N, C-alpha and C. Protein backbone atom coordinates (compact mmCIF):
# COMPACT_ATOMS: atom_id res chain seq x y z
N MET A 1 96.22 66.13 81.96
CA MET A 1 96.37 67.18 83.10
C MET A 1 94.87 66.95 83.88
N GLU A 2 94.80 66.69 85.27
CA GLU A 2 93.49 66.90 85.97
C GLU A 2 93.40 68.05 86.48
N LEU A 3 92.00 68.53 86.23
CA LEU A 3 91.85 70.04 87.00
C LEU A 3 91.52 69.88 88.35
N SER A 4 91.61 70.59 89.25
CA SER A 4 91.50 70.68 90.72
C SER A 4 89.90 70.69 90.86
N PRO A 5 89.49 70.11 91.81
CA PRO A 5 88.19 70.17 92.04
C PRO A 5 87.40 71.82 92.09
N GLU A 6 86.32 72.05 92.06
CA GLU A 6 85.70 73.42 92.42
C GLU A 6 85.61 73.48 93.81
N PRO A 7 85.97 74.66 94.26
CA PRO A 7 85.77 74.88 95.85
C PRO A 7 84.42 74.90 96.14
N THR A 8 84.18 74.23 97.41
CA THR A 8 82.99 74.22 98.10
C THR A 8 82.51 75.67 98.21
N VAL A 9 83.11 76.73 98.82
CA VAL A 9 82.84 77.62 99.01
C VAL A 9 83.67 78.61 98.03
N LYS A 10 83.13 79.56 97.33
CA LYS A 10 83.86 80.42 96.18
C LYS A 10 83.95 81.72 96.91
N SER A 11 85.11 82.51 96.49
CA SER A 11 85.50 83.83 96.77
C SER A 11 85.17 84.68 95.60
N ALA A 12 84.99 85.92 95.89
CA ALA A 12 84.43 86.99 94.92
C ALA A 12 85.43 88.16 95.23
N VAL A 13 85.85 89.05 94.08
CA VAL A 13 86.52 89.93 94.34
C VAL A 13 85.70 91.19 93.78
N ILE A 14 85.18 92.00 94.63
CA ILE A 14 84.18 93.08 94.47
C ILE A 14 84.76 94.22 94.00
N PHE A 15 84.35 94.78 92.83
CA PHE A 15 84.88 96.18 92.54
C PHE A 15 83.56 96.96 92.21
N VAL A 16 83.80 98.42 92.89
CA VAL A 16 82.57 99.39 92.92
C VAL A 16 83.21 100.46 92.40
N ASP A 17 82.33 101.14 91.31
CA ASP A 17 82.58 102.46 90.81
C ASP A 17 81.85 103.40 91.93
N GLY A 18 82.42 104.20 92.64
CA GLY A 18 81.58 104.77 93.49
C GLY A 18 80.68 106.07 92.87
N GLN A 19 80.91 106.78 91.58
CA GLN A 19 80.10 107.64 90.90
C GLN A 19 78.94 106.93 90.38
N ASN A 20 79.10 105.72 89.92
CA ASN A 20 78.01 105.19 89.22
C ASN A 20 77.09 104.69 90.57
N LEU A 21 77.74 104.11 91.60
CA LEU A 21 76.92 103.69 92.74
C LEU A 21 76.15 104.67 93.06
N PHE A 22 76.75 105.90 93.34
CA PHE A 22 75.89 106.96 93.99
C PHE A 22 74.93 107.52 93.09
N HIS A 23 75.12 107.67 91.65
CA HIS A 23 74.02 107.95 90.80
C HIS A 23 73.07 106.95 90.71
N SER A 24 73.32 105.87 90.64
CA SER A 24 72.28 104.68 90.63
C SER A 24 71.31 104.75 91.96
N VAL A 25 71.91 105.04 93.07
CA VAL A 25 71.26 104.87 94.24
C VAL A 25 70.16 106.26 94.29
N ARG A 26 70.78 107.21 94.00
CA ARG A 26 69.96 108.62 93.85
C ARG A 26 69.12 108.57 92.71
N GLU A 27 69.10 107.95 91.73
CA GLU A 27 68.02 107.79 90.69
C GLU A 27 66.73 106.84 91.47
N SER A 28 67.33 105.67 91.97
CA SER A 28 66.52 104.59 92.34
C SER A 28 65.80 104.88 93.70
N PHE A 29 66.32 105.40 94.57
CA PHE A 29 65.80 105.80 95.96
C PHE A 29 65.80 107.37 96.34
N ASP A 30 65.85 107.95 95.62
CA ASP A 30 66.14 109.69 95.85
C ASP A 30 66.89 110.08 96.81
N TYR A 31 68.22 109.12 97.05
CA TYR A 31 69.24 109.85 98.02
C TYR A 31 69.97 110.87 97.46
N THR A 32 70.31 112.00 98.17
CA THR A 32 71.13 112.95 97.75
C THR A 32 72.47 112.86 98.46
N TYR A 33 72.62 111.78 99.29
CA TYR A 33 73.69 111.85 100.08
C TYR A 33 74.50 110.37 100.06
N PRO A 34 75.86 110.16 99.73
CA PRO A 34 76.37 109.15 99.50
C PRO A 34 76.74 108.21 100.86
N ASN A 35 75.61 107.85 101.58
CA ASN A 35 75.74 107.14 102.73
C ASN A 35 75.86 105.54 102.70
N TYR A 36 76.10 105.10 101.70
CA TYR A 36 76.13 103.61 101.56
C TYR A 36 77.39 102.81 102.34
N ASP A 37 77.19 101.74 102.59
CA ASP A 37 78.39 100.90 102.96
C ASP A 37 78.87 99.98 102.15
N VAL A 38 79.84 100.10 101.64
CA VAL A 38 80.52 99.37 100.50
C VAL A 38 80.76 97.89 100.91
N ALA A 39 81.42 97.79 102.06
CA ALA A 39 81.71 96.48 102.66
C ALA A 39 80.38 95.87 103.15
N ALA A 40 79.29 96.40 103.48
CA ALA A 40 78.15 95.59 103.75
C ALA A 40 77.57 95.18 102.40
N LEU A 41 77.53 96.06 101.54
CA LEU A 41 76.96 95.83 100.09
C LEU A 41 77.83 94.79 99.43
N SER A 42 78.91 94.66 99.44
CA SER A 42 79.83 93.49 99.01
C SER A 42 79.50 92.29 99.64
N ARG A 43 79.52 92.07 101.05
CA ARG A 43 79.06 91.05 101.69
C ARG A 43 77.78 90.38 101.39
N ALA A 44 76.83 91.42 101.17
CA ALA A 44 75.47 91.13 100.72
C ALA A 44 75.19 90.33 99.32
N VAL A 45 76.07 91.11 98.53
CA VAL A 45 75.81 90.61 96.92
C VAL A 45 76.56 89.25 96.99
N ALA A 46 77.85 89.10 97.36
CA ALA A 46 78.36 87.88 97.39
C ALA A 46 77.77 86.84 98.31
N GLY A 47 77.19 87.18 99.31
CA GLY A 47 76.49 86.11 100.16
C GLY A 47 75.27 85.80 99.62
N ALA A 48 74.61 86.37 98.69
CA ALA A 48 73.39 86.07 98.13
C ALA A 48 73.79 84.97 97.17
N ALA A 49 74.87 84.72 96.79
CA ALA A 49 75.39 83.60 95.71
C ALA A 49 76.10 82.62 96.55
N GLY A 50 76.14 82.99 98.08
CA GLY A 50 77.11 81.89 98.73
C GLY A 50 78.42 81.91 98.56
N TRP A 51 78.88 82.85 98.36
CA TRP A 51 80.33 83.34 98.13
C TRP A 51 80.93 84.23 99.24
N ASN A 52 82.03 84.10 99.60
CA ASN A 52 83.01 84.80 100.42
C ASN A 52 83.44 86.33 99.55
N VAL A 53 83.67 87.17 100.27
CA VAL A 53 84.28 88.11 99.69
C VAL A 53 85.89 88.07 99.95
N SER A 54 86.72 88.13 99.00
CA SER A 54 88.19 87.74 99.21
C SER A 54 88.76 89.37 99.30
N GLN A 55 88.17 90.43 98.39
CA GLN A 55 88.71 91.60 98.08
C GLN A 55 87.59 92.60 97.77
N MET A 56 87.85 93.68 98.05
CA MET A 56 86.70 94.81 97.94
C MET A 56 87.70 95.83 97.30
N TRP A 57 87.29 96.52 96.19
CA TRP A 57 87.81 97.43 95.44
C TRP A 57 86.97 98.63 95.29
N PHE A 58 87.17 99.82 95.50
CA PHE A 58 86.19 100.89 95.13
C PHE A 58 87.16 102.10 94.57
N TYR A 59 86.49 102.71 93.43
CA TYR A 59 87.19 103.81 92.83
C TYR A 59 86.11 104.73 92.62
N THR A 60 86.73 105.95 92.75
CA THR A 60 86.06 107.34 92.91
C THR A 60 86.90 108.67 92.53
N GLY A 61 86.27 109.50 92.15
CA GLY A 61 86.93 110.67 91.90
C GLY A 61 86.74 111.80 92.93
N ILE A 62 87.80 112.51 93.64
CA ILE A 62 87.49 113.46 94.85
C ILE A 62 87.67 114.71 94.46
N PRO A 63 86.97 115.61 94.60
CA PRO A 63 87.32 117.09 94.40
C PRO A 63 88.34 117.60 94.88
N ASP A 64 89.31 118.48 94.22
CA ASP A 64 90.29 119.18 94.74
C ASP A 64 89.80 120.09 96.10
N PRO A 65 90.54 120.10 97.26
CA PRO A 65 90.10 120.90 98.42
C PRO A 65 89.83 122.44 98.12
N ALA A 66 90.55 122.72 97.19
CA ALA A 66 90.38 124.21 96.58
C ALA A 66 88.92 124.57 96.19
N ASP A 67 88.48 123.74 95.40
CA ASP A 67 87.32 123.41 94.64
C ASP A 67 86.30 123.39 95.24
N ASP A 68 86.11 122.25 96.38
CA ASP A 68 85.13 121.88 97.19
C ASP A 68 85.57 121.40 98.51
N PRO A 69 85.65 122.24 99.58
CA PRO A 69 86.38 121.65 100.73
C PRO A 69 85.53 120.56 101.53
N PHE A 70 84.17 120.80 101.27
CA PHE A 70 83.32 119.61 101.94
C PHE A 70 83.28 118.25 101.42
N TRP A 71 83.24 118.12 100.17
CA TRP A 71 83.28 116.84 99.42
C TRP A 71 84.65 116.20 99.36
N HIS A 72 85.54 117.04 99.42
CA HIS A 72 87.14 116.51 99.41
C HIS A 72 87.28 115.85 101.00
N SER A 73 87.00 116.65 101.99
CA SER A 73 86.88 116.02 103.33
C SER A 73 86.05 114.88 103.51
N PHE A 74 85.08 114.96 103.03
CA PHE A 74 83.84 114.00 103.26
C PHE A 74 84.65 112.56 102.57
N TRP A 75 84.90 112.65 101.22
CA TRP A 75 85.50 111.52 100.60
C TRP A 75 86.76 111.05 101.20
N SER A 76 87.54 111.92 101.69
CA SER A 76 88.72 111.41 102.09
C SER A 76 88.81 110.79 103.57
N SER A 77 87.74 111.25 104.35
CA SER A 77 87.39 110.44 105.50
C SER A 77 86.71 109.17 105.39
N LYS A 78 85.61 109.00 104.38
CA LYS A 78 84.89 107.97 103.91
C LYS A 78 85.94 106.65 103.62
N LEU A 79 87.12 107.24 102.62
CA LEU A 79 88.07 106.52 102.15
C LEU A 79 88.69 105.65 103.17
N ALA A 80 89.25 106.48 104.29
CA ALA A 80 90.03 106.06 105.34
C ALA A 80 89.23 105.11 106.25
N VAL A 81 87.76 105.14 106.55
CA VAL A 81 87.09 104.31 107.16
C VAL A 81 87.03 102.97 106.22
N MET A 82 86.60 103.00 104.99
CA MET A 82 86.63 101.88 104.24
C MET A 82 87.75 101.20 104.10
N GLY A 83 89.13 101.83 104.10
CA GLY A 83 90.27 101.16 104.39
C GLY A 83 90.37 100.24 105.58
N ARG A 84 90.14 100.95 106.56
CA ARG A 84 89.99 100.20 108.05
C ARG A 84 89.30 98.94 107.82
N GLN A 85 87.83 99.17 107.11
CA GLN A 85 86.83 97.90 107.03
C GLN A 85 87.44 96.85 106.04
N GLY A 86 88.68 97.00 105.44
CA GLY A 86 89.16 96.01 104.36
C GLY A 86 88.90 96.41 103.05
N SER A 87 88.34 97.25 102.60
CA SER A 87 88.41 97.73 101.09
C SER A 87 89.60 98.45 100.69
N ARG A 88 90.06 98.00 99.66
CA ARG A 88 91.20 98.96 98.94
C ARG A 88 90.54 99.71 98.05
N TYR A 89 91.12 100.83 97.70
CA TYR A 89 90.49 102.10 97.03
C TYR A 89 91.64 102.47 96.17
N SER A 90 90.74 103.37 95.15
CA SER A 90 91.78 104.22 94.34
C SER A 90 91.23 105.26 93.97
N ARG A 91 91.60 106.56 94.15
CA ARG A 91 90.90 107.85 94.01
C ARG A 91 91.85 108.66 93.07
N ALA A 92 91.11 109.48 92.59
CA ALA A 92 91.76 110.51 91.43
C ALA A 92 91.13 112.01 91.60
N PRO A 93 91.89 112.77 90.96
CA PRO A 93 90.80 114.19 91.19
C PRO A 93 89.86 114.43 90.17
N CYS A 94 88.88 115.14 90.61
CA CYS A 94 87.59 115.38 89.60
C CYS A 94 88.31 116.60 88.68
N VAL A 95 87.94 116.39 87.45
CA VAL A 95 88.44 117.46 86.66
C VAL A 95 87.18 118.41 86.18
N THR A 96 87.45 119.41 86.49
CA THR A 96 86.07 120.44 86.22
C THR A 96 86.46 121.45 85.08
N ARG A 97 85.69 121.43 84.30
CA ARG A 97 85.93 122.26 82.92
C ARG A 97 84.63 123.34 82.90
N THR A 98 84.70 124.42 82.24
CA THR A 98 83.67 125.46 81.99
C THR A 98 82.40 124.76 81.51
N GLU A 99 82.67 123.94 80.23
CA GLU A 99 81.70 123.35 79.56
C GLU A 99 81.02 122.11 80.00
N SER A 100 81.54 121.52 80.96
CA SER A 100 81.39 120.19 81.47
C SER A 100 82.14 119.84 82.71
N SER A 101 81.66 118.95 83.40
CA SER A 101 82.51 118.49 84.75
C SER A 101 82.58 117.03 84.50
N SER A 102 83.70 116.52 84.84
CA SER A 102 83.80 114.91 84.94
C SER A 102 84.76 114.68 85.95
N CYS A 103 84.78 113.37 86.57
CA CYS A 103 85.86 112.68 87.18
C CYS A 103 86.57 111.66 86.69
N ARG A 104 87.86 111.69 86.61
CA ARG A 104 88.63 110.74 85.99
C ARG A 104 89.10 109.75 86.99
N THR A 105 89.11 108.60 87.21
CA THR A 105 89.67 107.55 87.96
C THR A 105 90.67 106.89 87.25
N VAL A 106 91.73 106.68 87.96
CA VAL A 106 93.10 105.81 87.55
C VAL A 106 93.34 104.76 88.25
N HIS A 107 93.41 103.59 87.99
CA HIS A 107 93.43 102.28 88.67
C HIS A 107 94.79 102.37 89.32
N THR A 108 95.00 102.45 90.83
CA THR A 108 96.32 102.29 91.53
C THR A 108 96.09 101.18 92.40
N PRO A 109 96.83 100.18 92.35
CA PRO A 109 96.69 98.99 93.27
C PRO A 109 97.37 99.45 94.65
N PHE A 110 97.07 98.90 95.75
CA PHE A 110 97.67 99.22 96.90
C PHE A 110 98.31 97.89 97.50
């Protein structure tokens, strides 16, 4: 059995956890607003290795509109823009408890 040759230009599938990206950027650069561009970041990371981006996946938790209307609207709009830029995304509700707060994300392929 002969293996097919390695492609000249490789492709990458990029997976981004939105909450981890936001908290890393906040800690590293003192940003308090998630103004990152996932498509540009994906192309830059893949391009540095000489690869093309074949898919981009973004995962995040979104607060319920009753709990936080501003961030619910922000993330709904940002995901819509990302979708038009070619990103696929998965979203799940943030779950808030009195003793702690966490976002749970469930992978949903589109």
